[in-house]
Amino acid sequence: MSYRAEQLIDRDVQLGWGASADDGAGERATMSFDGPVELTSVGLLPGYAREAPHSKAGCDTVSAFPLNRQIQSVRWIFDDGTSVDQTFEASPEIQTKAVDVTTSSVTMEILSTTRPSRADSDTIISEATFEGRP
């Protein structure tokens, strides 16, 4: 498996960005658009939602979400320097936050993560999403 940065925005929750081999706090990813866009929401699936056989489940097919670190909070930073913080529930679904900003790029900074009992230490994020006005 590879956990390349572009997998953060590929619309495939079976893949993800490997932010860190441990906590992940302080790690950043910047997403650029073709030009200025009016964003109405930003969002994240706050962990790794891949469904696959796993040794910790006797090789049964399970969700990787409870088996890896999960994101508790991030800061979304826009190209004009403004930012908004978002917190997450421990749930393997896209969670969004309303915004009203025009920007050409968004930087996501991980502020905090949590490690579920018996989970691996790595921080992997399946997906980030952005909604906007045409």
N, C-alpha and C. Protein backbone atom coordinates (compact mmCIF):
# COMPACT_ATOMS: atom_id res chain seq x y z
N MET A 1 0.84 -1.19 0.00
CA MET A 1 0.00 0.00 0.00
C MET A 1 0.87 1.24 0.00
N SER A 2 0.44 2.22 -0.76
CA SER A 2 1.09 3.53 -0.69
C SER A 2 0.06 4.52 -0.17
N TYR A 3 0.53 5.55 0.47
CA TYR A 3 -0.35 6.55 1.08
C TYR A 3 0.06 7.94 0.58
N ARG A 4 0.00 8.12 -0.75
CA ARG A 4 0.44 9.36 -1.39
C ARG A 4 -0.52 10.52 -1.10
N ALA A 5 -0.01 11.72 -1.10
CA ALA A 5 -0.79 12.92 -0.79
C ALA A 5 -1.99 13.09 -1.72
N GLU A 6 -1.84 12.78 -3.00
CA GLU A 6 -2.97 12.98 -3.93
C GLU A 6 -4.16 12.07 -3.61
N GLN A 7 -3.93 11.03 -2.82
CA GLN A 7 -5.03 10.13 -2.44
C GLN A 7 -5.96 10.77 -1.42
N LEU A 8 -5.57 11.93 -0.89
CA LEU A 8 -6.42 12.66 0.04
C LEU A 8 -7.63 13.26 -0.67
N ILE A 9 -7.52 13.49 -1.97
CA ILE A 9 -8.62 14.14 -2.71
C ILE A 9 -9.03 13.35 -3.95
N ASP A 10 -8.90 12.03 -3.90
CA ASP A 10 -9.21 11.20 -5.07
C ASP A 10 -10.63 10.63 -5.07
N ARG A 11 -11.43 10.95 -4.07
CA ARG A 11 -12.81 10.47 -3.92
C ARG A 11 -12.90 8.96 -3.73
N ASP A 12 -11.84 8.36 -3.21
CA ASP A 12 -11.82 6.92 -2.96
C ASP A 12 -11.41 6.68 -1.50
N VAL A 13 -12.37 6.32 -0.65
CA VAL A 13 -12.07 6.14 0.77
C VAL A 13 -11.25 4.88 1.04
N GLN A 14 -11.06 4.05 0.02
CA GLN A 14 -10.22 2.86 0.17
C GLN A 14 -8.74 3.21 0.15
N LEU A 15 -8.42 4.42 -0.27
CA LEU A 15 -7.05 4.92 -0.31
C LEU A 15 -6.94 6.08 0.67
N GLY A 16 -5.74 6.51 0.97
CA GLY A 16 -5.60 7.62 1.89
C GLY A 16 -4.20 8.20 1.88
N TRP A 17 -4.09 9.36 2.52
CA TRP A 17 -2.82 10.05 2.68
C TRP A 17 -2.22 9.64 4.01
N GLY A 18 -1.02 9.13 3.98
CA GLY A 18 -0.29 8.78 5.20
C GLY A 18 0.38 10.02 5.75
N ALA A 19 -0.33 10.71 6.63
CA ALA A 19 0.18 11.98 7.17
C ALA A 19 1.40 11.77 8.04
N SER A 20 1.43 10.65 8.80
CA SER A 20 2.54 10.44 9.73
C SER A 20 2.56 9.00 10.19
N ALA A 21 3.73 8.52 10.56
CA ALA A 21 3.86 7.18 11.13
C ALA A 21 3.50 7.18 12.61
N ASP A 22 3.19 8.38 13.15
CA ASP A 22 2.78 8.46 14.55
C ASP A 22 1.67 9.49 14.70
N ASP A 23 1.74 10.35 15.70
CA ASP A 23 0.67 11.27 16.08
C ASP A 23 0.11 12.10 14.92
N GLY A 24 0.91 12.70 14.12
CA GLY A 24 0.44 13.49 12.98
C GLY A 24 0.18 14.95 13.29
N ALA A 25 0.09 15.33 14.57
CA ALA A 25 -0.16 16.73 14.91
C ALA A 25 0.95 17.60 14.31
N GLY A 26 0.54 18.67 13.65
CA GLY A 26 1.49 19.57 13.00
C GLY A 26 1.71 19.29 11.53
N GLU A 27 1.33 18.11 11.07
CA GLU A 27 1.47 17.79 9.64
C GLU A 27 0.48 18.62 8.83
N ARG A 28 0.88 18.98 7.61
CA ARG A 28 0.06 19.82 6.73
C ARG A 28 -0.04 19.23 5.34
N ALA A 29 -1.16 19.53 4.70
CA ALA A 29 -1.35 19.20 3.29
C ALA A 29 -2.01 20.41 2.64
N THR A 30 -1.48 20.84 1.49
CA THR A 30 -2.04 21.98 0.78
C THR A 30 -2.68 21.50 -0.51
N MET A 31 -3.95 21.90 -0.71
CA MET A 31 -4.69 21.58 -1.92
C MET A 31 -4.88 22.88 -2.70
N SER A 32 -4.51 22.86 -3.98
CA SER A 32 -4.63 24.04 -4.83
C SER A 32 -5.70 23.82 -5.88
N PHE A 33 -6.41 24.89 -6.18
CA PHE A 33 -7.44 24.87 -7.22
C PHE A 33 -6.89 25.55 -8.48
N ASP A 34 -7.59 25.43 -9.60
CA ASP A 34 -7.13 26.02 -10.85
C ASP A 34 -7.15 27.55 -10.82
N GLY A 35 -7.93 28.11 -9.92
CA GLY A 35 -8.06 29.55 -9.74
C GLY A 35 -8.89 29.79 -8.51
N PRO A 36 -9.26 31.04 -8.25
CA PRO A 36 -10.07 31.33 -7.08
C PRO A 36 -11.43 30.63 -7.14
N VAL A 37 -11.84 30.05 -6.02
CA VAL A 37 -13.15 29.41 -5.90
C VAL A 37 -13.83 29.94 -4.64
N GLU A 38 -15.15 30.02 -4.69
CA GLU A 38 -15.95 30.41 -3.53
C GLU A 38 -16.33 29.15 -2.77
N LEU A 39 -15.64 28.88 -1.67
CA LEU A 39 -15.93 27.69 -0.88
C LEU A 39 -17.07 27.94 0.08
N THR A 40 -17.98 26.95 0.18
CA THR A 40 -19.07 27.02 1.14
C THR A 40 -18.90 26.00 2.26
N SER A 41 -18.06 24.99 2.03
CA SER A 41 -17.75 24.05 3.11
C SER A 41 -16.44 23.34 2.83
N VAL A 42 -15.82 22.90 3.92
CA VAL A 42 -14.62 22.06 3.88
C VAL A 42 -14.95 20.82 4.70
N GLY A 43 -14.29 19.72 4.43
CA GLY A 43 -14.61 18.53 5.21
C GLY A 43 -13.54 17.47 5.12
N LEU A 44 -13.70 16.49 5.99
CA LEU A 44 -12.69 15.45 6.13
C LEU A 44 -13.35 14.18 6.65
N LEU A 45 -12.88 13.06 6.14
CA LEU A 45 -13.16 11.77 6.77
C LEU A 45 -12.00 11.60 7.75
N PRO A 46 -12.22 11.69 9.05
CA PRO A 46 -11.13 11.87 10.01
C PRO A 46 -10.35 10.60 10.37
N GLY A 47 -9.99 9.84 9.39
CA GLY A 47 -9.21 8.62 9.62
C GLY A 47 -9.15 7.81 8.34
N TYR A 48 -8.89 6.54 8.49
CA TYR A 48 -8.71 5.64 7.36
C TYR A 48 -9.89 4.67 7.31
N ALA A 49 -10.70 4.76 6.27
CA ALA A 49 -11.94 3.99 6.19
C ALA A 49 -11.85 2.75 5.30
N ARG A 50 -10.65 2.38 4.90
CA ARG A 50 -10.48 1.21 4.02
C ARG A 50 -11.13 -0.03 4.63
N GLU A 51 -11.81 -0.80 3.82
CA GLU A 51 -12.39 -2.10 4.20
C GLU A 51 -11.51 -3.17 3.56
N ALA A 52 -10.86 -3.98 4.42
CA ALA A 52 -9.94 -5.00 3.90
C ALA A 52 -9.65 -6.01 4.99
N PRO A 53 -9.12 -7.19 4.61
CA PRO A 53 -8.69 -8.16 5.63
C PRO A 53 -7.61 -7.54 6.51
N HIS A 54 -7.65 -7.83 7.79
CA HIS A 54 -6.67 -7.27 8.72
C HIS A 54 -6.25 -8.32 9.74
N SER A 55 -4.97 -8.38 10.01
CA SER A 55 -4.44 -9.38 10.95
C SER A 55 -5.01 -9.21 12.36
N LYS A 56 -5.32 -8.00 12.76
CA LYS A 56 -5.88 -7.77 14.10
C LYS A 56 -7.31 -8.27 14.22
N ALA A 57 -7.92 -8.64 13.09
CA ALA A 57 -9.29 -9.16 13.10
C ALA A 57 -9.31 -10.60 12.59
N GLY A 58 -8.21 -11.33 12.79
CA GLY A 58 -8.14 -12.71 12.33
C GLY A 58 -8.23 -12.84 10.84
N CYS A 59 -7.76 -11.81 10.14
CA CYS A 59 -7.77 -11.72 8.66
C CYS A 59 -9.18 -11.58 8.09
N ASP A 60 -10.17 -11.28 8.93
CA ASP A 60 -11.51 -10.95 8.43
C ASP A 60 -11.46 -9.57 7.79
N THR A 61 -12.40 -9.30 6.89
CA THR A 61 -12.51 -7.98 6.28
C THR A 61 -13.19 -7.05 7.27
N VAL A 62 -12.50 -5.97 7.62
CA VAL A 62 -13.00 -5.00 8.59
C VAL A 62 -12.63 -3.59 8.14
N SER A 63 -13.23 -2.60 8.77
CA SER A 63 -12.85 -1.21 8.54
C SER A 63 -11.55 -0.92 9.27
N ALA A 64 -10.66 -0.23 8.61
CA ALA A 64 -9.40 0.17 9.24
C ALA A 64 -9.58 1.36 10.18
N PHE A 65 -10.75 1.98 10.18
CA PHE A 65 -10.95 3.19 10.97
C PHE A 65 -10.58 3.03 12.44
N PRO A 66 -11.09 2.00 13.14
CA PRO A 66 -10.73 1.88 14.56
C PRO A 66 -9.32 1.29 14.79
N LEU A 67 -8.64 0.94 13.72
CA LEU A 67 -7.33 0.30 13.83
C LEU A 67 -6.16 1.25 13.59
N ASN A 68 -6.47 2.54 13.40
CA ASN A 68 -5.46 3.57 13.16
C ASN A 68 -5.84 4.82 13.96
N ARG A 69 -4.88 5.74 14.07
CA ARG A 69 -5.20 7.02 14.71
C ARG A 69 -6.34 7.71 13.96
N GLN A 70 -7.07 8.53 14.71
CA GLN A 70 -8.17 9.31 14.13
C GLN A 70 -7.93 10.79 14.41
N ILE A 71 -8.37 11.61 13.50
CA ILE A 71 -8.20 13.05 13.62
C ILE A 71 -9.24 13.59 14.60
N GLN A 72 -8.79 14.38 15.56
CA GLN A 72 -9.71 15.05 16.48
C GLN A 72 -10.00 16.47 16.03
N SER A 73 -8.97 17.16 15.49
CA SER A 73 -9.18 18.53 15.03
C SER A 73 -8.15 18.92 13.98
N VAL A 74 -8.57 19.82 13.10
CA VAL A 74 -7.68 20.38 12.08
C VAL A 74 -7.93 21.88 12.00
N ARG A 75 -7.00 22.57 11.36
CA ARG A 75 -7.17 23.97 11.02
C ARG A 75 -7.11 24.07 9.50
N TRP A 76 -8.13 24.69 8.91
CA TRP A 76 -8.16 24.95 7.48
C TRP A 76 -7.65 26.37 7.29
N ILE A 77 -6.59 26.55 6.51
CA ILE A 77 -5.97 27.85 6.29
C ILE A 77 -6.12 28.21 4.82
N PHE A 78 -6.68 29.39 4.56
CA PHE A 78 -6.95 29.84 3.19
C PHE A 78 -5.87 30.80 2.73
N ASP A 79 -5.79 31.02 1.41
CA ASP A 79 -4.64 31.78 0.89
C ASP A 79 -4.64 33.25 1.30
N ASP A 80 -5.74 33.77 1.84
CA ASP A 80 -5.74 35.15 2.34
C ASP A 80 -5.28 35.23 3.80
N GLY A 81 -4.89 34.09 4.37
CA GLY A 81 -4.40 34.05 5.74
C GLY A 81 -5.46 33.76 6.79
N THR A 82 -6.74 33.79 6.39
CA THR A 82 -7.79 33.45 7.35
C THR A 82 -7.81 31.94 7.56
N SER A 83 -8.40 31.53 8.68
CA SER A 83 -8.46 30.10 8.98
C SER A 83 -9.71 29.79 9.79
N VAL A 84 -10.05 28.51 9.82
CA VAL A 84 -11.16 28.02 10.63
C VAL A 84 -10.76 26.66 11.17
N ASP A 85 -11.07 26.41 12.44
CA ASP A 85 -10.78 25.12 13.05
C ASP A 85 -12.01 24.22 12.96
N GLN A 86 -11.77 22.93 12.84
CA GLN A 86 -12.85 21.95 12.78
C GLN A 86 -12.51 20.79 13.70
N THR A 87 -13.49 20.36 14.49
CA THR A 87 -13.34 19.17 15.32
C THR A 87 -14.20 18.05 14.74
N PHE A 88 -13.85 16.81 15.10
CA PHE A 88 -14.49 15.64 14.51
C PHE A 88 -14.97 14.65 15.55
N GLU A 89 -16.03 13.96 15.21
CA GLU A 89 -16.49 12.83 15.99
C GLU A 89 -15.73 11.60 15.49
N ALA A 90 -15.62 10.59 16.33
CA ALA A 90 -14.94 9.35 15.94
C ALA A 90 -15.88 8.50 15.10
N SER A 91 -16.06 8.93 13.86
CA SER A 91 -16.99 8.27 12.94
C SER A 91 -16.40 8.27 11.54
N PRO A 92 -16.42 7.12 10.85
CA PRO A 92 -15.78 7.02 9.52
C PRO A 92 -16.66 7.54 8.39
N GLU A 93 -17.00 8.82 8.47
CA GLU A 93 -17.80 9.46 7.43
C GLU A 93 -17.29 10.88 7.23
N ILE A 94 -17.58 11.44 6.06
CA ILE A 94 -17.19 12.82 5.79
C ILE A 94 -17.94 13.73 6.76
N GLN A 95 -17.20 14.59 7.43
CA GLN A 95 -17.78 15.57 8.34
C GLN A 95 -17.36 16.95 7.84
N THR A 96 -18.34 17.84 7.66
CA THR A 96 -18.08 19.12 7.02
C THR A 96 -18.25 20.29 7.97
N LYS A 97 -17.69 21.41 7.57
CA LYS A 97 -17.82 22.67 8.29
C LYS A 97 -18.11 23.75 7.27
N ALA A 98 -19.15 24.55 7.54
CA ALA A 98 -19.52 25.64 6.64
C ALA A 98 -18.46 26.73 6.69
N VAL A 99 -18.13 27.26 5.51
CA VAL A 99 -17.22 28.40 5.39
C VAL A 99 -17.79 29.33 4.31
N ASP A 100 -17.29 30.53 4.26
CA ASP A 100 -17.65 31.48 3.22
C ASP A 100 -16.38 32.25 2.86
N VAL A 101 -15.62 31.70 1.92
CA VAL A 101 -14.32 32.27 1.59
C VAL A 101 -14.02 32.03 0.11
N THR A 102 -13.35 32.98 -0.50
CA THR A 102 -12.83 32.81 -1.86
C THR A 102 -11.33 32.59 -1.74
N THR A 103 -10.86 31.50 -2.36
CA THR A 103 -9.46 31.12 -2.19
C THR A 103 -8.98 30.32 -3.39
N SER A 104 -7.67 30.29 -3.58
CA SER A 104 -7.07 29.47 -4.64
C SER A 104 -6.42 28.22 -4.07
N SER A 105 -6.28 28.18 -2.73
CA SER A 105 -5.69 27.01 -2.09
C SER A 105 -6.20 26.91 -0.65
N VAL A 106 -6.11 25.69 -0.13
CA VAL A 106 -6.47 25.42 1.26
C VAL A 106 -5.38 24.55 1.85
N THR A 107 -4.88 24.93 3.00
CA THR A 107 -3.93 24.11 3.73
C THR A 107 -4.64 23.52 4.94
N MET A 108 -4.56 22.21 5.07
CA MET A 108 -5.13 21.54 6.23
C MET A 108 -3.99 21.21 7.17
N GLU A 109 -4.07 21.71 8.40
CA GLU A 109 -3.07 21.39 9.43
C GLU A 109 -3.72 20.53 10.50
N ILE A 110 -3.13 19.38 10.77
CA ILE A 110 -3.64 18.51 11.82
C ILE A 110 -3.28 19.12 13.17
N LEU A 111 -4.29 19.37 14.01
CA LEU A 111 -4.05 19.94 15.34
C LEU A 111 -3.94 18.85 16.40
N SER A 112 -4.80 17.80 16.30
CA SER A 112 -4.74 16.74 17.30
C SER A 112 -5.33 15.45 16.74
N THR A 113 -4.83 14.34 17.26
CA THR A 113 -5.32 13.02 16.90
C THR A 113 -5.55 12.22 18.18
N THR A 114 -6.22 11.09 18.03
CA THR A 114 -6.38 10.16 19.14
C THR A 114 -6.05 8.77 18.64
N ARG A 115 -5.57 7.95 19.55
CA ARG A 115 -5.21 6.58 19.19
C ARG A 115 -6.13 5.63 19.95
N PRO A 116 -7.09 5.00 19.23
CA PRO A 116 -7.97 4.05 19.90
C PRO A 116 -7.17 2.89 20.51
N SER A 117 -7.74 2.28 21.51
CA SER A 117 -7.11 1.14 22.17
C SER A 117 -6.73 0.08 21.13
N ARG A 118 -5.49 -0.40 21.20
CA ARG A 118 -4.95 -1.45 20.33
C ARG A 118 -4.80 -1.03 18.87
N ALA A 119 -4.94 0.26 18.57
CA ALA A 119 -4.78 0.74 17.20
C ALA A 119 -3.30 0.93 16.87
N ASP A 120 -2.99 0.91 15.57
CA ASP A 120 -1.66 1.26 15.11
C ASP A 120 -1.41 2.74 15.42
N SER A 121 -0.17 3.16 15.40
CA SER A 121 0.17 4.53 15.75
C SER A 121 0.08 5.50 14.58
N ASP A 122 -0.04 5.00 13.34
CA ASP A 122 0.02 5.88 12.18
C ASP A 122 -1.25 6.71 11.99
N THR A 123 -1.07 7.84 11.31
CA THR A 123 -2.17 8.75 10.99
C THR A 123 -2.39 8.73 9.49
N ILE A 124 -3.52 8.17 9.08
CA ILE A 124 -3.89 8.09 7.66
C ILE A 124 -5.26 8.72 7.52
N ILE A 125 -5.44 9.55 6.51
CA ILE A 125 -6.72 10.21 6.26
C ILE A 125 -7.23 9.77 4.89
N SER A 126 -8.46 9.23 4.85
CA SER A 126 -9.03 8.74 3.60
C SER A 126 -9.39 9.83 2.61
N GLU A 127 -9.98 10.93 3.09
CA GLU A 127 -10.53 11.87 2.12
C GLU A 127 -10.76 13.25 2.71
N ALA A 128 -10.50 14.28 1.91
CA ALA A 128 -10.88 15.66 2.20
C ALA A 128 -11.85 16.11 1.10
N THR A 129 -12.80 16.97 1.45
CA THR A 129 -13.77 17.44 0.46
C THR A 129 -13.94 18.95 0.55
N PHE A 130 -14.35 19.53 -0.57
CA PHE A 130 -14.58 20.96 -0.66
C PHE A 130 -15.83 21.19 -1.49
N GLU A 131 -16.73 22.02 -0.99
CA GLU A 131 -17.94 22.39 -1.73
C GLU A 131 -17.86 23.89 -2.00
N GLY A 132 -18.43 24.30 -3.15
CA GLY A 132 -18.38 25.71 -3.47
C GLY A 132 -19.49 26.15 -4.39
N ARG A 133 -19.50 27.43 -4.63
CA ARG A 133 -20.47 28.03 -5.56
C ARG A 133 -19.85 28.03 -6.96
N PRO A 134 -20.67 27.85 -7.94
CA PRO A 134 -20.15 27.89 -9.33
C PRO A 134 -19.63 29.27 -9.70
